[in-house]
Amino acid sequence: NGGDGGASGSKVKLTALITKHPLTQELSKMTWLQEAEDRAGVDI
């Protein structure tokens, strides 16, 4: 809804960059990370 901060129930979209180890799997496979995004009301 145009950056309403999640007030209407939508998630706030953010962009982020991470410097990670070559061994580290794709972030989309990390359950804890998705749960943290959900609790914060963001979609990164």
All heavy atoms as atom14 arrays in JSON, in Angstrom:
{
  "sequence": "NGGDGGASGSKVKLTALITKHPLTQELSKMTWLQEAEDRAGVDI",
  "atom14_mask": [
    [1, 1, 1, 1, 1, 1, 1, 1, 0, 0, 0, 0, 0, 0],
    [1, 1, 1, 1, 0, 0, 0, 0, 0, 0, 0, 0, 0, 0],
    [1, 1, 1, 1, 0, 0, 0, 0, 0, 0, 0, 0, 0, 0],
    [1, 1, 1, 1, 1, 1, 1, 1, 0, 0, 0, 0, 0, 0],
    [1, 1, 1, 1, 0, 0, 0, 0, 0, 0, 0, 0, 0, 0],
    [1, 1, 1, 1, 0, 0, 0, 0, 0, 0, 0, 0, 0, 0],
    [1, 1, 1, 1, 1, 0, 0, 0, 0, 0, 0, 0, 0, 0],
    [1, 1, 1, 1, 1, 1, 0, 0, 0, 0, 0, 0, 0, 0],
    [1, 1, 1, 1, 0, 0, 0, 0, 0, 0, 0, 0, 0, 0],
    [1, 1, 1, 1, 1, 1, 0, 0, 0, 0, 0, 0, 0, 0],
    [1, 1, 1, 1, 1, 1, 1, 1, 1, 0, 0, 0, 0, 0],
    [1, 1, 1, 1, 1, 1, 1, 0, 0, 0, 0, 0, 0, 0],
    [1, 1, 1, 1, 1, 1, 1, 1, 1, 0, 0, 0, 0, 0],
    [1, 1, 1, 1, 1, 1, 1, 1, 0, 0, 0, 0, 0, 0],
    [1, 1, 1, 1, 1, 1, 1, 0, 0, 0, 0, 0, 0, 0],
    [1, 1, 1, 1, 1, 0, 0, 0, 0, 0, 0, 0, 0, 0],
    [1, 1, 1, 1, 1, 1, 1, 1, 0, 0, 0, 0, 0, 0],
    [1, 1, 1, 1, 1, 1, 1, 1, 0, 0, 0, 0, 0, 0],
    [1, 1, 1, 1, 1, 1, 1, 0, 0, 0, 0, 0, 0, 0],
    [1, 1, 1, 1, 1, 1, 1, 1, 1, 0, 0, 0, 0, 0],
    [1, 1, 1, 1, 1, 1, 1, 1, 1, 1, 0, 0, 0, 0],
    [1, 1, 1, 1, 1, 1, 1, 0, 0, 0, 0, 0, 0, 0],
    [1, 1, 1, 1, 1, 1, 1, 1, 0, 0, 0, 0, 0, 0],
    [1, 1, 1, 1, 1, 1, 1, 0, 0, 0, 0, 0, 0, 0],
    [1, 1, 1, 1, 1, 1, 1, 1, 1, 0, 0, 0, 0, 0],
    [1, 1, 1, 1, 1, 1, 1, 1, 1, 0, 0, 0, 0, 0],
    [1, 1, 1, 1, 1, 1, 1, 1, 0, 0, 0, 0, 0, 0],
    [1, 1, 1, 1, 1, 1, 0, 0, 0, 0, 0, 0, 0, 0],
    [1, 1, 1, 1, 1, 1, 1, 1, 1, 0, 0, 0, 0, 0],
    [1, 1, 1, 1, 1, 1, 1, 1, 0, 0, 0, 0, 0, 0],
    [1, 1, 1, 1, 1, 1, 1, 0, 0, 0, 0, 0, 0, 0],
    [1, 1, 1, 1, 1, 1, 1, 1, 1, 1, 1, 1, 1, 1],
    [1, 1, 1, 1, 1, 1, 1, 1, 0, 0, 0, 0, 0, 0],
    [1, 1, 1, 1, 1, 1, 1, 1, 1, 0, 0, 0, 0, 0],
    [1, 1, 1, 1, 1, 1, 1, 1, 1, 0, 0, 0, 0, 0],
    [1, 1, 1, 1, 1, 0, 0, 0, 0, 0, 0, 0, 0, 0],
    [1, 1, 1, 1, 1, 1, 1, 1, 1, 0, 0, 0, 0, 0],
    [1, 1, 1, 1, 1, 1, 1, 1, 0, 0, 0, 0, 0, 0],
    [1, 1, 1, 1, 1, 1, 1, 1, 1, 1, 1, 0, 0, 0],
    [1, 1, 1, 1, 1, 0, 0, 0, 0, 0, 0, 0, 0, 0],
    [1, 1, 1, 1, 0, 0, 0, 0, 0, 0, 0, 0, 0, 0],
    [1, 1, 1, 1, 1, 1, 1, 0, 0, 0, 0, 0, 0, 0],
    [1, 1, 1, 1, 1, 1, 1, 1, 0, 0, 0, 0, 0, 0],
    [1, 1, 1, 1, 1, 1, 1, 1, 0, 0, 0, 0, 0, 0]
  ],
  "atom14_positions": [
    [[0.82, -1.21, 0.0], [0.0, 0.0, 0.0], [0.86, 1.27, 0.0], [0.56, 2.25, 0.67], [-0.94, 0.0, 1.22], [-1.93, -1.13, 1.16], [-2.72, -1.19, 0.22], [-1.91, -2.03, 2.12], [0.0, 0.0, 0.0], [0.0, 0.0, 0.0], [0.0, 0.0, 0.0], [0.0, 0.0, 0.0], [0.0, 0.0, 0.0], [0.0, 0.0, 0.0]],
    [[1.99, 1.17, -0.72], [2.78, 2.39, -0.92], [3.61, 2.8, 0.26], [3.81, 3.98, 0.5], [0.0, 0.0, 0.0], [0.0, 0.0, 0.0], [0.0, 0.0, 0.0], [0.0, 0.0, 0.0], [0.0, 0.0, 0.0], [0.0, 0.0, 0.0], [0.0, 0.0, 0.0], [0.0, 0.0, 0.0], [0.0, 0.0, 0.0], [0.0, 0.0, 0.0]],
    [[4.14, 1.84, 1.04], [5.06, 2.18, 2.12], [4.35, 2.63, 3.36], [4.75, 3.61, 3.98], [0.0, 0.0, 0.0], [0.0, 0.0, 0.0], [0.0, 0.0, 0.0], [0.0, 0.0, 0.0], [0.0, 0.0, 0.0], [0.0, 0.0, 0.0], [0.0, 0.0, 0.0], [0.0, 0.0, 0.0], [0.0, 0.0, 0.0], [0.0, 0.0, 0.0]],
    [[3.29, 1.94, 3.76], [2.54, 2.35, 4.95], [3.09, 1.77, 6.23], [2.48, 1.87, 7.28], [1.06, 1.97, 4.81], [0.86, 0.45, 4.73], [1.87, -0.28, 4.76], [-0.3, 0.01, 4.65], [0.0, 0.0, 0.0], [0.0, 0.0, 0.0], [0.0, 0.0, 0.0], [0.0, 0.0, 0.0], [0.0, 0.0, 0.0], [0.0, 0.0, 0.0]],
    [[4.33, 1.14, 6.12], [4.96, 0.62, 7.33], [4.27, -0.61, 7.86], [4.48, -1.0, 8.99], [0.0, 0.0, 0.0], [0.0, 0.0, 0.0], [0.0, 0.0, 0.0], [0.0, 0.0, 0.0], [0.0, 0.0, 0.0], [0.0, 0.0, 0.0], [0.0, 0.0, 0.0], [0.0, 0.0, 0.0], [0.0, 0.0, 0.0], [0.0, 0.0, 0.0]],
    [[3.43, -1.22, 7.07], [2.76, -2.43, 7.51], [1.49, -2.14, 8.29], [0.87, -3.04, 8.84], [0.0, 0.0, 0.0], [0.0, 0.0, 0.0], [0.0, 0.0, 0.0], [0.0, 0.0, 0.0], [0.0, 0.0, 0.0], [0.0, 0.0, 0.0], [0.0, 0.0, 0.0], [0.0, 0.0, 0.0], [0.0, 0.0, 0.0], [0.0, 0.0, 0.0]],
    [[1.08, -0.88, 8.35], [-0.08, -0.52, 9.17], [-1.35, -1.21, 8.72], [-2.24, -1.47, 9.51], [-0.27, 1.0, 9.14], [0.0, 0.0, 0.0], [0.0, 0.0, 0.0], [0.0, 0.0, 0.0], [0.0, 0.0, 0.0], [0.0, 0.0, 0.0], [0.0, 0.0, 0.0], [0.0, 0.0, 0.0], [0.0, 0.0, 0.0], [0.0, 0.0, 0.0]],
    [[-1.45, -1.49, 7.43], [-2.66, -2.13, 6.92], [-2.5, -3.63, 6.82], [-3.31, -4.3, 6.19], [-3.0, -1.56, 5.54], [-1.96, -1.84, 4.62], [0.0, 0.0, 0.0], [0.0, 0.0, 0.0], [0.0, 0.0, 0.0], [0.0, 0.0, 0.0], [0.0, 0.0, 0.0], [0.0, 0.0, 0.0], [0.0, 0.0, 0.0], [0.0, 0.0, 0.0]],
    [[-1.48, -4.19, 7.43], [-1.28, -5.63, 7.43], [-0.3, -6.1, 6.39], [0.08, -7.27, 6.39], [0.0, 0.0, 0.0], [0.0, 0.0, 0.0], [0.0, 0.0, 0.0], [0.0, 0.0, 0.0], [0.0, 0.0, 0.0], [0.0, 0.0, 0.0], [0.0, 0.0, 0.0], [0.0, 0.0, 0.0], [0.0, 0.0, 0.0], [0.0, 0.0, 0.0]],
    [[0.13, -5.24, 5.48], [1.11, -5.64, 4.47], [2.51, -5.54, 5.05], [2.75, -4.83, 6.02], [0.98, -4.74, 3.24], [1.28, -3.4, 3.6], [0.0, 0.0, 0.0], [0.0, 0.0, 0.0], [0.0, 0.0, 0.0], [0.0, 0.0, 0.0], [0.0, 0.0, 0.0], [0.0, 0.0, 0.0], [0.0, 0.0, 0.0], [0.0, 0.0, 0.0]],
    [[3.43, -6.26, 4.43], [4.82, -6.2, 4.88], [5.54, -5.04, 4.22], [5.26, -4.69, 3.06], [5.54, -7.51, 4.54], [5.08, -8.69, 5.38], [5.95, -9.91, 5.05], [5.58, -11.09, 5.94], [6.43, -12.27, 5.66], [0.0, 0.0, 0.0], [0.0, 0.0, 0.0], [0.0, 0.0, 0.0], [0.0, 0.0, 0.0], [0.0, 0.0, 0.0]],
    [[6.47, -4.47, 4.93], [7.32, -3.42, 4.39], [8.43, -4.07, 3.58], [9.12, -4.97, 4.06], [7.93, -2.56, 5.51], [8.93, -1.56, 4.95], [6.84, -1.86, 6.29], [0.0, 0.0, 0.0], [0.0, 0.0, 0.0], [0.0, 0.0, 0.0], [0.0, 0.0, 0.0], [0.0, 0.0, 0.0], [0.0, 0.0, 0.0], [0.0, 0.0, 0.0]],
    [[8.59, -3.63, 2.35], [9.64, -4.18, 1.51], [10.95, -3.43, 1.75], [10.98, -2.2, 1.74], [9.24, -4.11, 0.03], [8.07, -5.03, -0.33], [7.82, -5.02, -1.81], [6.64, -5.95, -2.16], [6.94, -7.36, -1.85], [0.0, 0.0, 0.0], [0.0, 0.0, 0.0], [0.0, 0.0, 0.0], [0.0, 0.0, 0.0], [0.0, 0.0, 0.0]],
    [[12.01, -4.19, 1.97], [13.34, -3.63, 2.18], [14.33, -4.34, 1.25], [14.09, -5.47, 0.82], [13.8, -3.83, 3.62], [12.95, -3.22, 4.74], [13.45, -3.69, 6.09], [12.98, -1.69, 4.66], [0.0, 0.0, 0.0], [0.0, 0.0, 0.0], [0.0, 0.0, 0.0], [0.0, 0.0, 0.0], [0.0, 0.0, 0.0], [0.0, 0.0, 0.0]],
    [[15.42, -3.67, 0.99], [16.53, -4.3, 0.28], [17.69, -4.47, 1.26], [17.89, -3.63, 2.15], [16.98, -3.47, -0.92], [17.37, -2.17, -0.48], [15.87, -3.36, -1.95], [0.0, 0.0, 0.0], [0.0, 0.0, 0.0], [0.0, 0.0, 0.0], [0.0, 0.0, 0.0], [0.0, 0.0, 0.0], [0.0, 0.0, 0.0], [0.0, 0.0, 0.0]],
    [[18.45, -5.54, 1.09], [19.59, -5.78, 1.98], [20.66, -6.55, 1.23], [20.37, -7.33, 0.31], [19.15, -6.55, 3.22], [0.0, 0.0, 0.0], [0.0, 0.0, 0.0], [0.0, 0.0, 0.0], [0.0, 0.0, 0.0], [0.0, 0.0, 0.0], [0.0, 0.0, 0.0], [0.0, 0.0, 0.0], [0.0, 0.0, 0.0], [0.0, 0.0, 0.0]],
    [[21.87, -6.34, 1.63], [23.03, -7.04, 1.08], [23.77, -7.7, 2.23], [23.95, -7.1, 3.29], [23.94, -6.07, 0.34], [25.21, -6.6, -0.32], [25.56, -5.77, -1.55], [26.4, -6.61, 0.65], [0.0, 0.0, 0.0], [0.0, 0.0, 0.0], [0.0, 0.0, 0.0], [0.0, 0.0, 0.0], [0.0, 0.0, 0.0], [0.0, 0.0, 0.0]],
    [[24.22, -8.93, 2.02], [25.01, -9.62, 3.03], [26.29, -10.16, 2.4], [26.27, -10.7, 1.29], [24.21, -10.77, 3.69], [25.04, -11.44, 4.79], [23.72, -11.78, 2.66], [24.25, -12.43, 5.64], [0.0, 0.0, 0.0], [0.0, 0.0, 0.0], [0.0, 0.0, 0.0], [0.0, 0.0, 0.0], [0.0, 0.0, 0.0], [0.0, 0.0, 0.0]],
    [[27.39, -9.97, 3.1], [28.64, -10.61, 2.71], [28.72, -11.91, 3.48], [28.83, -11.9, 4.7], [29.85, -9.72, 3.02], [29.91, -9.45, 4.42], [29.75, -8.39, 2.27], [0.0, 0.0, 0.0], [0.0, 0.0, 0.0], [0.0, 0.0, 0.0], [0.0, 0.0, 0.0], [0.0, 0.0, 0.0], [0.0, 0.0, 0.0], [0.0, 0.0, 0.0]],
    [[28.64, -13.03, 2.79], [28.56, -14.32, 3.46], [29.67, -15.23, 2.97], [30.31, -15.0, 1.94], [27.2, -14.96, 3.24], [26.91, -15.37, 1.81], [25.59, -16.12, 1.69], [25.48, -16.8, 0.33], [24.27, -17.61, 0.18], [0.0, 0.0, 0.0], [0.0, 0.0, 0.0], [0.0, 0.0, 0.0], [0.0, 0.0, 0.0], [0.0, 0.0, 0.0]],
    [[29.88, -16.31, 3.72], [30.91, -17.27, 3.38], [30.5, -18.08, 2.15], [29.31, -18.35, 1.94], [31.13, -18.22, 4.57], [32.36, -19.03, 4.47], [32.43, -20.21, 3.76], [33.61, -18.84, 4.97], [33.64, -20.71, 3.84], [34.38, -19.89, 4.57], [0.0, 0.0, 0.0], [0.0, 0.0, 0.0], [0.0, 0.0, 0.0], [0.0, 0.0, 0.0]],
    [[31.46, -18.49, 1.31], [31.12, -19.27, 0.12], [30.37, -20.56, 0.42], [29.6, -21.05, -0.42], [32.48, -19.57, -0.52], [33.36, -18.46, -0.07], [32.9, -18.13, 1.32], [0.0, 0.0, 0.0], [0.0, 0.0, 0.0], [0.0, 0.0, 0.0], [0.0, 0.0, 0.0], [0.0, 0.0, 0.0], [0.0, 0.0, 0.0], [0.0, 0.0, 0.0]],
    [[30.57, -21.13, 1.6], [29.88, -22.36, 1.94], [28.41, -22.15, 2.29], [27.6, -23.08, 2.24], [30.56, -23.04, 3.14], [31.93, -23.69, 2.92], [32.47, -24.19, 4.25], [31.85, -24.82, 1.91], [0.0, 0.0, 0.0], [0.0, 0.0, 0.0], [0.0, 0.0, 0.0], [0.0, 0.0, 0.0], [0.0, 0.0, 0.0], [0.0, 0.0, 0.0]],
    [[28.05, -20.93, 2.67], [26.73, -20.67, 3.23], [25.63, -20.82, 2.19], [25.72, -20.26, 1.09], [26.68, -19.26, 3.84], [27.72, -19.14, 4.81], [25.35, -19.01, 4.51], [0.0, 0.0, 0.0], [0.0, 0.0, 0.0], [0.0, 0.0, 0.0], [0.0, 0.0, 0.0], [0.0, 0.0, 0.0], [0.0, 0.0, 0.0], [0.0, 0.0, 0.0]],
    [[24.6, -21.55, 2.55], [23.48, -21.81, 1.64], [22.69, -20.54, 1.36], [22.88, -19.51, 2.0], [22.55, -22.86, 2.23], [21.81, -22.39, 3.49], [20.94, -23.45, 4.1], [20.8, -24.54, 3.57], [20.33, -23.16, 5.24], [0.0, 0.0, 0.0], [0.0, 0.0, 0.0], [0.0, 0.0, 0.0], [0.0, 0.0, 0.0], [0.0, 0.0, 0.0]],
    [[21.78, -20.63, 0.39], [20.94, -19.49, 0.06], [20.1, -19.07, 1.27], [19.6, -19.91, 2.01], [20.01, -19.85, -1.1], [20.75, -20.15, -2.4], [19.79, -20.63, -3.48], [18.57, -20.59, -3.25], [20.27, -21.04, -4.54], [0.0, 0.0, 0.0], [0.0, 0.0, 0.0], [0.0, 0.0, 0.0], [0.0, 0.0, 0.0], [0.0, 0.0, 0.0]],
    [[19.96, -17.78, 1.43], [19.23, -17.26, 2.58], [17.77, -17.71, 2.59], [17.16, -17.83, 3.65], [19.31, -15.73, 2.6], [20.48, -15.13, 3.39], [21.82, -15.61, 2.87], [20.42, -13.6, 3.36], [0.0, 0.0, 0.0], [0.0, 0.0, 0.0], [0.0, 0.0, 0.0], [0.0, 0.0, 0.0], [0.0, 0.0, 0.0], [0.0, 0.0, 0.0]],
    [[17.22, -17.96, 1.43], [15.82, -18.39, 1.34], [15.58, -19.73, 2.02], [14.44, -20.07, 2.33], [15.39, -18.48, -0.12], [16.17, -19.44, -0.83], [0.0, 0.0, 0.0], [0.0, 0.0, 0.0], [0.0, 0.0, 0.0], [0.0, 0.0, 0.0], [0.0, 0.0, 0.0], [0.0, 0.0, 0.0], [0.0, 0.0, 0.0], [0.0, 0.0, 0.0]],
    [[16.64, -20.48, 2.3], [16.51, -21.78, 2.94], [16.62, -21.71, 4.46], [16.51, -22.74, 5.13], [17.57, -22.74, 2.39], [17.44, -23.01, 0.89], [18.53, -23.95, 0.39], [18.39, -24.21, -1.1], [19.46, -25.1, -1.61], [0.0, 0.0, 0.0], [0.0, 0.0, 0.0], [0.0, 0.0, 0.0], [0.0, 0.0, 0.0], [0.0, 0.0, 0.0]],
    [[16.86, -20.52, 4.99], [17.06, -20.36, 6.43], [15.74, -20.06, 7.12], [15.22, -18.95, 7.03], [18.08, -19.26, 6.71], [19.46, -19.56, 6.13], [20.65, -18.24, 6.47], [22.07, -18.85, 5.54], [0.0, 0.0, 0.0], [0.0, 0.0, 0.0], [0.0, 0.0, 0.0], [0.0, 0.0, 0.0], [0.0, 0.0, 0.0], [0.0, 0.0, 0.0]],
    [[15.19, -21.04, 7.82], [13.89, -20.89, 8.47], [13.89, -19.76, 9.48], [12.96, -18.95, 9.55], [13.5, -22.21, 9.16], [13.48, -23.25, 8.18], [12.14, -22.09, 9.81], [0.0, 0.0, 0.0], [0.0, 0.0, 0.0], [0.0, 0.0, 0.0], [0.0, 0.0, 0.0], [0.0, 0.0, 0.0], [0.0, 0.0, 0.0], [0.0, 0.0, 0.0]],
    [[14.94, -19.68, 10.29], [15.0, -18.66, 11.34], [14.93, -17.26, 10.75], [14.33, -16.35, 11.36], [16.27, -18.82, 12.18], [17.53, -18.45, 11.45], [18.39, -19.28, 10.8], [18.07, -17.12, 11.29], [19.42, -18.57, 10.23], [19.25, -17.25, 10.52], [17.67, -15.86, 11.71], [20.03, -16.15, 10.17], [18.45, -14.75, 11.36], [19.62, -14.91, 10.6]],
    [[15.54, -17.06, 9.57], [15.57, -15.73, 8.95], [14.18, -15.33, 8.47], [13.75, -14.18, 8.69], [16.57, -15.72, 7.8], [16.68, -14.41, 7.02], [17.03, -13.25, 7.93], [17.71, -14.54, 5.9], [0.0, 0.0, 0.0], [0.0, 0.0, 0.0], [0.0, 0.0, 0.0], [0.0, 0.0, 0.0], [0.0, 0.0, 0.0], [0.0, 0.0, 0.0]],
    [[13.48, -16.26, 7.85], [12.13, -15.95, 7.4], [11.22, -15.63, 8.58], [10.38, -14.72, 8.53], [11.55, -17.11, 6.59], [10.2, -16.81, 5.95], [10.26, -15.58, 5.06], [11.02, -15.52, 4.11], [9.44, -14.57, 5.37], [0.0, 0.0, 0.0], [0.0, 0.0, 0.0], [0.0, 0.0, 0.0], [0.0, 0.0, 0.0], [0.0, 0.0, 0.0]],
    [[11.4, -16.37, 9.68], [10.6, -16.11, 10.87], [10.9, -14.73, 11.45], [10.0, -14.02, 11.91], [10.86, -17.21, 11.91], [10.33, -18.58, 11.5], [10.74, -19.68, 12.46], [11.63, -19.43, 13.31], [10.18, -20.79, 12.36], [0.0, 0.0, 0.0], [0.0, 0.0, 0.0], [0.0, 0.0, 0.0], [0.0, 0.0, 0.0], [0.0, 0.0, 0.0]],
    [[12.18, -14.34, 11.42], [12.55, -13.01, 11.93], [11.94, -11.91, 11.06], [11.47, -10.88, 11.57], [14.07, -12.89, 11.98], [0.0, 0.0, 0.0], [0.0, 0.0, 0.0], [0.0, 0.0, 0.0], [0.0, 0.0, 0.0], [0.0, 0.0, 0.0], [0.0, 0.0, 0.0], [0.0, 0.0, 0.0], [0.0, 0.0, 0.0], [0.0, 0.0, 0.0]],
    [[11.97, -12.09, 9.76], [11.35, -11.12, 8.86], [9.85, -11.02, 9.13], [9.28, -9.93, 9.16], [11.61, -11.5, 7.4], [13.06, -11.35, 6.96], [13.23, -11.59, 5.47], [12.26, -11.39, 4.7], [14.34, -11.98, 5.04], [0.0, 0.0, 0.0], [0.0, 0.0, 0.0], [0.0, 0.0, 0.0], [0.0, 0.0, 0.0], [0.0, 0.0, 0.0]],
    [[9.21, -12.18, 9.33], [7.76, -12.18, 9.58], [7.42, -11.42, 10.86], [6.47, -10.63, 10.9], [7.25, -13.62, 9.68], [7.26, -14.35, 8.33], [7.37, -13.66, 7.29], [7.18, -15.58, 8.33], [0.0, 0.0, 0.0], [0.0, 0.0, 0.0], [0.0, 0.0, 0.0], [0.0, 0.0, 0.0], [0.0, 0.0, 0.0], [0.0, 0.0, 0.0]],
    [[8.19, -11.67, 11.91], [7.92, -10.98, 13.18], [8.12, -9.48, 13.06], [7.44, -8.69, 13.72], [8.81, -11.56, 14.29], [8.37, -12.92, 14.79], [9.12, -13.29, 16.07], [10.56, -13.36, 15.86], [11.23, -14.44, 15.47], [10.56, -15.57, 15.22], [12.53, -14.41, 15.31], [0.0, 0.0, 0.0], [0.0, 0.0, 0.0], [0.0, 0.0, 0.0]],
    [[9.07, -9.08, 12.24], [9.35, -7.65, 12.06], [8.4, -7.01, 11.04], [8.39, -5.79, 10.9], [10.79, -7.45, 11.62], [0.0, 0.0, 0.0], [0.0, 0.0, 0.0], [0.0, 0.0, 0.0], [0.0, 0.0, 0.0], [0.0, 0.0, 0.0], [0.0, 0.0, 0.0], [0.0, 0.0, 0.0], [0.0, 0.0, 0.0], [0.0, 0.0, 0.0]],
    [[7.64, -7.83, 10.33], [6.71, -7.3, 9.34], [7.4, -6.76, 8.11], [6.95, -5.76, 7.52], [0.0, 0.0, 0.0], [0.0, 0.0, 0.0], [0.0, 0.0, 0.0], [0.0, 0.0, 0.0], [0.0, 0.0, 0.0], [0.0, 0.0, 0.0], [0.0, 0.0, 0.0], [0.0, 0.0, 0.0], [0.0, 0.0, 0.0], [0.0, 0.0, 0.0]],
    [[8.5, -7.41, 7.71], [9.24, -6.95, 6.54], [9.42, -8.08, 5.54], [9.38, -9.26, 5.89], [10.63, -6.38, 6.93], [10.47, -5.2, 7.88], [11.51, -7.46, 7.56], [0.0, 0.0, 0.0], [0.0, 0.0, 0.0], [0.0, 0.0, 0.0], [0.0, 0.0, 0.0], [0.0, 0.0, 0.0], [0.0, 0.0, 0.0], [0.0, 0.0, 0.0]],
    [[9.59, -7.71, 4.31], [9.91, -8.64, 3.23], [11.18, -8.12, 2.58], [11.17, -7.06, 1.95], [8.76, -8.7, 2.22], [9.04, -9.66, 1.07], [9.93, -10.52, 1.22], [8.38, -9.53, 0.02], [0.0, 0.0, 0.0], [0.0, 0.0, 0.0], [0.0, 0.0, 0.0], [0.0, 0.0, 0.0], [0.0, 0.0, 0.0], [0.0, 0.0, 0.0]],
    [[12.28, -8.85, 2.76], [13.59, -8.34, 2.36], [14.05, -8.99, 1.06], [14.06, -10.21, 0.91], [14.64, -8.58, 3.47], [14.2, -7.87, 4.75], [16.01, -8.07, 3.03], [15.16, -8.06, 5.91], [0.0, 0.0, 0.0], [0.0, 0.0, 0.0], [0.0, 0.0, 0.0], [0.0, 0.0, 0.0], [0.0, 0.0, 0.0], [0.0, 0.0, 0.0]]
  ]
}
